[in-house]
């Protein structure tokens, strides 16, 4: 099961686990979640001028944990929140389509 947690105060998205909807390399649920996670990371790296420091992006396959977080500059907080919320809408769509494999928290 994939567990997805977003903390809006910390601007942090954490994803743990695997869907196990299919074997590795054929799991469309994991692929969809990973695609959205990497899109978030790339979006934040491309928006680095809006951040106080470079974003944190960690994908530790051995620990089955993915973390992406950042600290936006005050004047850009709304822009960065929009990036996170857009990705979360995508993740919620995947979770609704595959409720046996994903749980959204927080």
N, C-alpha and C. Protein backbone atom coordinates (compact mmCIF):
# COMPACT_ATOMS: atom_id res chain seq x y z
N UNK A 1 0.85 -1.18 0.00
CA UNK A 1 0.00 0.00 0.00
C UNK A 1 0.89 1.24 0.00
N UNK A 2 0.51 2.21 -0.80
CA UNK A 2 1.20 3.51 -0.83
C UNK A 2 0.49 4.45 0.12
N UNK A 3 1.27 5.10 0.99
CA UNK A 3 0.72 6.08 1.93
C UNK A 3 1.26 7.45 1.52
N UNK A 4 0.35 8.37 1.27
CA UNK A 4 0.72 9.72 0.83
C UNK A 4 0.29 10.71 1.90
N UNK A 5 1.24 11.54 2.32
CA UNK A 5 0.95 12.53 3.36
C UNK A 5 1.50 13.89 2.92
N UNK A 6 0.65 14.91 3.02
CA UNK A 6 1.09 16.27 2.71
C UNK A 6 0.93 17.12 3.96
N UNK A 7 1.99 17.83 4.31
CA UNK A 7 1.97 18.75 5.44
C UNK A 7 2.08 20.16 4.87
N UNK A 8 0.96 20.90 4.80
CA UNK A 8 1.01 22.24 4.20
C UNK A 8 1.84 23.25 5.00
N UNK A 9 1.97 23.05 6.31
CA UNK A 9 2.79 23.95 7.12
C UNK A 9 4.27 23.81 6.78
N UNK A 10 4.71 22.60 6.55
CA UNK A 10 6.12 22.34 6.21
C UNK A 10 6.36 22.36 4.71
N UNK A 11 5.27 22.43 3.93
CA UNK A 11 5.37 22.31 2.47
C UNK A 11 6.14 21.03 2.14
N UNK A 12 5.64 19.91 2.66
CA UNK A 12 6.33 18.64 2.50
C UNK A 12 5.36 17.56 2.05
N UNK A 13 5.75 16.85 1.01
CA UNK A 13 5.01 15.69 0.52
C UNK A 13 5.84 14.46 0.82
N UNK A 14 5.22 13.50 1.48
CA UNK A 14 5.91 12.25 1.80
C UNK A 14 5.11 11.08 1.25
N UNK A 15 5.79 10.19 0.57
CA UNK A 15 5.16 9.00 -0.01
C UNK A 15 5.94 7.79 0.48
N UNK A 16 5.21 6.82 1.03
CA UNK A 16 5.84 5.60 1.54
C UNK A 16 5.18 4.37 0.96
N UNK A 17 5.99 3.34 0.75
CA UNK A 17 5.48 2.04 0.36
C UNK A 17 5.39 1.84 -1.13
N UNK A 18 4.84 0.69 -1.48
CA UNK A 18 4.62 0.30 -2.88
C UNK A 18 3.16 -0.14 -3.04
N UNK A 19 2.62 0.06 -4.20
CA UNK A 19 1.24 -0.34 -4.46
C UNK A 19 1.10 -1.86 -4.52
N UNK A 20 2.08 -2.52 -5.12
CA UNK A 20 2.01 -3.96 -5.35
C UNK A 20 0.78 -4.35 -6.16
N UNK A 21 0.41 -3.47 -7.09
CA UNK A 21 -0.71 -3.75 -7.99
C UNK A 21 -0.29 -4.70 -9.10
N UNK A 22 1.02 -4.78 -9.33
CA UNK A 22 1.59 -5.65 -10.35
C UNK A 22 3.07 -5.81 -10.01
N UNK A 23 3.78 -6.61 -10.77
CA UNK A 23 5.21 -6.81 -10.49
C UNK A 23 6.00 -5.54 -10.81
N UNK A 24 7.17 -5.44 -10.24
CA UNK A 24 8.02 -4.26 -10.43
C UNK A 24 8.27 -4.04 -11.92
N UNK A 25 8.11 -2.79 -12.33
CA UNK A 25 8.27 -2.44 -13.73
C UNK A 25 6.98 -2.51 -14.53
N UNK A 26 5.94 -3.09 -13.95
CA UNK A 26 4.64 -3.23 -14.62
C UNK A 26 3.50 -2.64 -13.80
N UNK A 27 3.85 -2.01 -12.69
CA UNK A 27 2.85 -1.50 -11.75
C UNK A 27 2.45 -0.08 -12.15
N UNK A 28 1.27 0.07 -12.77
CA UNK A 28 0.85 1.39 -13.25
C UNK A 28 0.50 2.34 -12.11
N UNK A 29 0.10 1.81 -10.97
CA UNK A 29 -0.21 2.67 -9.82
C UNK A 29 1.08 3.32 -9.31
N UNK A 30 2.11 2.51 -9.11
CA UNK A 30 3.41 3.06 -8.68
C UNK A 30 3.96 4.03 -9.73
N UNK A 31 3.80 3.69 -10.99
CA UNK A 31 4.30 4.55 -12.06
C UNK A 31 3.59 5.91 -12.04
N UNK A 32 2.29 5.91 -11.85
CA UNK A 32 1.55 7.17 -11.82
C UNK A 32 1.97 8.04 -10.64
N UNK A 33 2.10 7.43 -9.48
CA UNK A 33 2.50 8.16 -8.28
C UNK A 33 3.93 8.69 -8.45
N UNK A 34 4.82 7.87 -8.95
CA UNK A 34 6.21 8.30 -9.17
C UNK A 34 6.28 9.45 -10.17
N UNK A 35 5.51 9.36 -11.23
CA UNK A 35 5.50 10.42 -12.25
C UNK A 35 5.08 11.76 -11.64
N UNK A 36 4.06 11.74 -10.82
CA UNK A 36 3.60 12.98 -10.18
C UNK A 36 4.64 13.49 -9.17
N UNK A 37 5.27 12.58 -8.43
CA UNK A 37 6.29 12.97 -7.47
C UNK A 37 7.48 13.62 -8.18
N UNK A 38 7.94 13.02 -9.26
CA UNK A 38 9.06 13.59 -10.00
C UNK A 38 8.67 14.91 -10.68
N UNK A 39 7.43 15.04 -11.09
CA UNK A 39 6.96 16.31 -11.65
C UNK A 39 7.01 17.41 -10.58
N UNK A 40 6.62 17.08 -9.36
CA UNK A 40 6.71 18.03 -8.26
C UNK A 40 8.16 18.46 -8.04
N UNK A 41 9.05 17.49 -7.96
CA UNK A 41 10.46 17.80 -7.74
C UNK A 41 11.02 18.69 -8.83
N UNK A 42 10.76 18.36 -10.07
CA UNK A 42 11.28 19.15 -11.19
C UNK A 42 10.67 20.54 -11.19
N UNK A 43 9.40 20.65 -10.87
CA UNK A 43 8.74 21.96 -10.80
C UNK A 43 9.38 22.84 -9.74
N UNK A 44 9.70 22.25 -8.59
CA UNK A 44 10.33 23.03 -7.53
C UNK A 44 11.75 23.43 -7.90
N UNK A 45 12.49 22.53 -8.51
CA UNK A 45 13.86 22.88 -8.93
C UNK A 45 13.82 24.00 -9.99
N UNK A 46 12.84 23.97 -10.87
CA UNK A 46 12.73 25.03 -11.88
C UNK A 46 12.20 26.33 -11.28
N UNK A 47 11.63 26.28 -10.09
CA UNK A 47 11.10 27.46 -9.42
C UNK A 47 12.02 27.90 -8.28
N UNK A 48 13.27 27.51 -8.34
CA UNK A 48 14.19 27.74 -7.23
C UNK A 48 14.32 29.21 -6.85
N UNK A 49 14.13 30.11 -7.78
CA UNK A 49 14.21 31.55 -7.47
C UNK A 49 13.10 31.98 -6.51
N UNK A 50 12.05 31.17 -6.40
CA UNK A 50 10.94 31.47 -5.49
C UNK A 50 11.14 30.87 -4.10
N UNK A 51 12.27 30.16 -3.92
CA UNK A 51 12.52 29.46 -2.67
C UNK A 51 13.66 30.11 -1.89
N UNK A 52 13.62 29.95 -0.57
CA UNK A 52 14.69 30.48 0.27
C UNK A 52 15.97 29.67 0.12
N UNK A 53 15.83 28.40 -0.20
CA UNK A 53 16.97 27.50 -0.39
C UNK A 53 16.53 26.39 -1.35
N UNK A 54 17.47 25.62 -1.89
CA UNK A 54 17.07 24.54 -2.81
C UNK A 54 16.09 23.57 -2.16
N UNK A 55 15.18 23.02 -2.95
CA UNK A 55 14.22 22.06 -2.39
C UNK A 55 14.91 20.78 -1.93
N UNK A 56 14.27 20.11 -0.99
CA UNK A 56 14.72 18.78 -0.56
C UNK A 56 13.99 17.77 -1.43
N UNK A 57 14.74 16.88 -2.04
CA UNK A 57 14.14 15.85 -2.89
C UNK A 57 14.86 14.55 -2.60
N UNK A 58 14.13 13.60 -2.04
CA UNK A 58 14.74 12.32 -1.66
C UNK A 58 13.85 11.17 -2.13
N UNK A 59 14.45 10.25 -2.83
CA UNK A 59 13.76 9.04 -3.28
C UNK A 59 14.63 7.87 -2.88
N UNK A 60 14.36 7.31 -1.72
CA UNK A 60 15.15 6.20 -1.19
C UNK A 60 14.38 4.90 -1.43
N UNK A 61 14.75 4.22 -2.50
CA UNK A 61 14.04 2.99 -2.88
C UNK A 61 14.21 1.89 -1.83
N UNK A 62 15.38 1.83 -1.19
CA UNK A 62 15.61 0.79 -0.17
C UNK A 62 14.68 0.97 1.03
N UNK A 63 14.45 2.22 1.42
CA UNK A 63 13.57 2.50 2.56
C UNK A 63 12.12 2.70 2.13
N UNK A 64 11.86 2.67 0.83
CA UNK A 64 10.52 2.87 0.29
C UNK A 64 9.91 4.20 0.71
N UNK A 65 10.73 5.26 0.73
CA UNK A 65 10.27 6.59 1.14
C UNK A 65 10.68 7.62 0.09
N UNK A 66 9.72 8.48 -0.25
CA UNK A 66 9.98 9.61 -1.13
C UNK A 66 9.56 10.87 -0.37
N UNK A 67 10.44 11.88 -0.35
CA UNK A 67 10.13 13.13 0.34
C UNK A 67 10.50 14.29 -0.56
N UNK A 68 9.60 15.25 -0.65
CA UNK A 68 9.88 16.48 -1.38
C UNK A 68 9.35 17.62 -0.54
N UNK A 69 10.23 18.59 -0.23
CA UNK A 69 9.80 19.73 0.57
C UNK A 69 10.59 20.97 0.17
N UNK A 70 10.08 22.11 0.60
CA UNK A 70 10.76 23.36 0.30
C UNK A 70 10.29 24.45 1.25
N UNK A 71 11.03 25.55 1.24
CA UNK A 71 10.67 26.72 2.01
C UNK A 71 10.55 27.88 1.02
N UNK A 72 9.31 28.27 0.71
CA UNK A 72 9.15 29.35 -0.27
C UNK A 72 9.46 30.72 0.33
N UNK A 73 9.91 31.64 -0.52
CA UNK A 73 10.00 33.03 -0.12
C UNK A 73 8.57 33.51 0.11
N UNK A 74 8.39 34.38 1.08
CA UNK A 74 7.04 34.80 1.47
C UNK A 74 6.20 35.29 0.29
N UNK A 75 6.80 36.08 -0.58
CA UNK A 75 6.04 36.65 -1.70
C UNK A 75 5.64 35.60 -2.75
N UNK A 76 6.24 34.41 -2.69
CA UNK A 76 5.93 33.36 -3.65
C UNK A 76 5.21 32.16 -3.03
N UNK A 77 4.82 32.28 -1.77
CA UNK A 77 4.20 31.14 -1.08
C UNK A 77 2.97 30.62 -1.83
N UNK A 78 2.15 31.52 -2.36
CA UNK A 78 0.96 31.10 -3.11
C UNK A 78 1.31 30.33 -4.37
N UNK A 79 2.35 30.76 -5.06
CA UNK A 79 2.78 30.06 -6.28
C UNK A 79 3.23 28.64 -5.95
N UNK A 80 4.02 28.51 -4.89
CA UNK A 80 4.54 27.19 -4.52
C UNK A 80 3.41 26.30 -4.01
N UNK A 81 2.49 26.87 -3.25
CA UNK A 81 1.33 26.09 -2.80
C UNK A 81 0.54 25.57 -4.00
N UNK A 82 0.40 26.38 -5.03
CA UNK A 82 -0.33 25.96 -6.23
C UNK A 82 0.35 24.76 -6.89
N UNK A 83 1.66 24.76 -6.92
CA UNK A 83 2.38 23.61 -7.49
C UNK A 83 2.05 22.35 -6.68
N UNK A 84 2.15 22.45 -5.35
CA UNK A 84 1.84 21.28 -4.51
C UNK A 84 0.40 20.84 -4.69
N UNK A 85 -0.55 21.79 -4.67
CA UNK A 85 -1.97 21.41 -4.77
C UNK A 85 -2.28 20.78 -6.13
N UNK A 86 -1.64 21.22 -7.17
CA UNK A 86 -1.86 20.62 -8.49
C UNK A 86 -1.42 19.15 -8.47
N UNK A 87 -0.26 18.90 -7.90
CA UNK A 87 0.24 17.52 -7.81
C UNK A 87 -0.68 16.70 -6.91
N UNK A 88 -1.14 17.28 -5.81
CA UNK A 88 -2.04 16.55 -4.91
C UNK A 88 -3.36 16.19 -5.58
N UNK A 89 -3.87 17.07 -6.43
CA UNK A 89 -5.10 16.74 -7.18
C UNK A 89 -4.86 15.51 -8.05
N UNK A 90 -3.70 15.46 -8.70
CA UNK A 90 -3.35 14.28 -9.50
C UNK A 90 -3.25 13.03 -8.65
N UNK A 91 -2.60 13.14 -7.49
CA UNK A 91 -2.46 11.98 -6.60
C UNK A 91 -3.82 11.53 -6.07
N UNK A 92 -4.70 12.48 -5.75
CA UNK A 92 -6.05 12.12 -5.31
C UNK A 92 -6.81 11.39 -6.41
N UNK A 93 -6.62 11.80 -7.65
CA UNK A 93 -7.27 11.12 -8.77
C UNK A 93 -6.80 9.68 -8.89
N UNK A 94 -5.50 9.47 -8.74
CA UNK A 94 -4.97 8.10 -8.79
C UNK A 94 -5.51 7.30 -7.61
N UNK A 95 -5.54 7.91 -6.42
CA UNK A 95 -6.05 7.21 -5.23
C UNK A 95 -7.52 6.83 -5.38
N UNK A 96 -8.32 7.70 -6.00
CA UNK A 96 -9.74 7.39 -6.22
C UNK A 96 -9.91 6.24 -7.22
N UNK A 97 -9.03 6.20 -8.20
CA UNK A 97 -9.11 5.14 -9.21
C UNK A 97 -8.60 3.80 -8.67
N UNK A 98 -7.69 3.85 -7.71
CA UNK A 98 -7.06 2.63 -7.17
C UNK A 98 -7.06 2.65 -5.64
N UNK A 99 -8.25 2.68 -5.03
CA UNK A 99 -8.33 2.83 -3.57
C UNK A 99 -7.74 1.66 -2.77
N UNK A 100 -7.58 0.51 -3.38
CA UNK A 100 -6.98 -0.63 -2.68
C UNK A 100 -5.48 -0.47 -2.50
N UNK A 101 -4.89 0.44 -3.27
CA UNK A 101 -3.44 0.53 -3.31
C UNK A 101 -2.86 1.83 -2.75
N UNK A 102 -3.71 2.83 -2.50
CA UNK A 102 -3.24 4.14 -2.05
C UNK A 102 -4.14 4.67 -0.95
N UNK A 103 -3.52 5.28 0.05
CA UNK A 103 -4.26 5.99 1.09
C UNK A 103 -3.63 7.38 1.23
N UNK A 104 -4.50 8.40 1.25
CA UNK A 104 -4.06 9.78 1.41
C UNK A 104 -4.28 10.17 2.88
N UNK A 105 -3.26 10.78 3.47
CA UNK A 105 -3.35 11.21 4.87
C UNK A 105 -3.11 12.71 4.94
N UNK A 106 -3.64 13.32 6.02
CA UNK A 106 -3.36 14.73 6.31
C UNK A 106 -3.81 15.58 5.26
